[in-house]
Amino acid sequence: MARNKEEIIEDLANKYHLTIEEVEDIINHQFKFISTVMRKGGFDTIRLPYFGKFIVNKNRVKHINRLKNEK
């Protein structure tokens, strides 16, 4: 039973008596956190329980920086 993101957000908002904006903020907060930690450049591994691990590949960062310098 495939459902899209909007349906899931609407169901959660109804279930917990929250606005759709509040549920979207709650869901997106974890990804903003991951983005913030990875942008600091500490290359920390971030684990979100029941969701997965997010790892920055140091070699990929070097490759991206090299491409930026070539432009």
Protein backbone atom coordinates (compact mmCIF):
# COMPACT_ATOMS: atom_id res chain seq x y z
CA MET A 1 0.00 0.00 0.00
CA ALA A 2 2.04 2.91 -1.31
CA ARG A 3 1.22 6.35 0.04
CA ASN A 4 2.79 9.65 -0.75
CA LYS A 5 4.35 12.06 1.71
CA GLU A 6 1.37 14.42 1.76
CA GLU A 7 -1.05 11.65 2.76
CA ILE A 8 1.22 10.52 5.59
CA ILE A 9 1.60 14.09 6.86
CA GLU A 10 -2.15 14.63 6.75
CA ASP A 11 -2.81 11.39 8.65
CA LEU A 12 -0.27 12.30 11.34
CA ALA A 13 -1.72 15.80 11.67
CA ASN A 14 -5.21 14.39 12.18
CA LYS A 15 -4.06 11.67 14.56
CA TYR A 16 -2.11 14.00 16.86
CA HIS A 17 -4.30 17.10 16.42
CA LEU A 18 -1.51 19.21 14.90
CA THR A 19 -1.41 21.48 11.90
CA ILE A 20 0.10 20.24 8.67
CA GLU A 21 2.86 22.86 9.01
CA GLU A 22 3.80 21.57 12.48
CA VAL A 23 4.02 17.98 11.23
CA GLU A 24 6.12 19.06 8.23
CA ASP A 25 8.49 20.94 10.56
CA ILE A 26 8.83 17.88 12.78
CA ILE A 27 9.57 15.61 9.83
CA ASN A 28 11.99 17.99 8.13
CA HIS A 29 13.87 18.87 11.32
CA GLN A 30 15.86 15.63 11.33
CA PHE A 31 17.09 16.27 7.79
CA LYS A 32 18.03 19.85 8.62
CA PHE A 33 20.03 18.52 11.58
CA ILE A 34 21.87 16.03 9.37
CA SER A 35 22.62 18.74 6.83
CA THR A 36 23.96 21.08 9.53
CA VAL A 37 26.27 18.45 11.02
CA MET A 38 27.61 17.40 7.62
CA ARG A 39 28.26 21.00 6.52
CA LYS A 40 30.46 21.58 9.55
CA GLY A 41 32.95 19.24 7.90
CA GLY A 42 33.60 17.07 10.93
CA PHE A 43 32.64 13.97 8.92
CA ASP A 44 30.67 12.59 11.85
CA THR A 45 28.44 9.59 11.28
CA ILE A 46 24.84 10.36 12.14
CA ARG A 47 22.50 7.54 13.07
CA LEU A 48 18.77 8.02 13.16
CA PRO A 49 17.14 5.06 14.92
CA TYR A 50 14.86 3.04 12.63
CA PHE A 51 15.92 5.17 9.67
CA GLY A 52 19.60 4.64 8.94
CA LYS A 53 23.15 5.97 9.07
CA PHE A 54 24.32 9.02 7.21
CA ILE A 55 28.03 9.12 6.42
CA VAL A 56 30.15 11.64 4.53
CA ASN A 57 32.69 10.01 2.27
CA LYS A 58 35.89 12.08 2.70
CA ASN A 59 37.11 11.17 -0.79
CA ARG A 60 33.86 12.42 -2.30
CA VAL A 61 34.27 15.75 -0.51
CA LYS A 62 37.80 16.10 -1.94
CA HIS A 63 36.43 15.35 -5.41
CA ILE A 64 33.65 17.94 -5.08
CA ASN A 65 36.10 20.58 -3.82
CA ARG A 66 38.44 19.84 -6.75
CA LEU A 67 35.57 20.29 -9.21
CA LYS A 68 34.62 23.61 -7.60
CA ASN A 69 38.21 24.86 -7.89
CA GLU A 70 38.38 23.90 -11.57
CA LYS A 71 35.43 26.17 -12.35
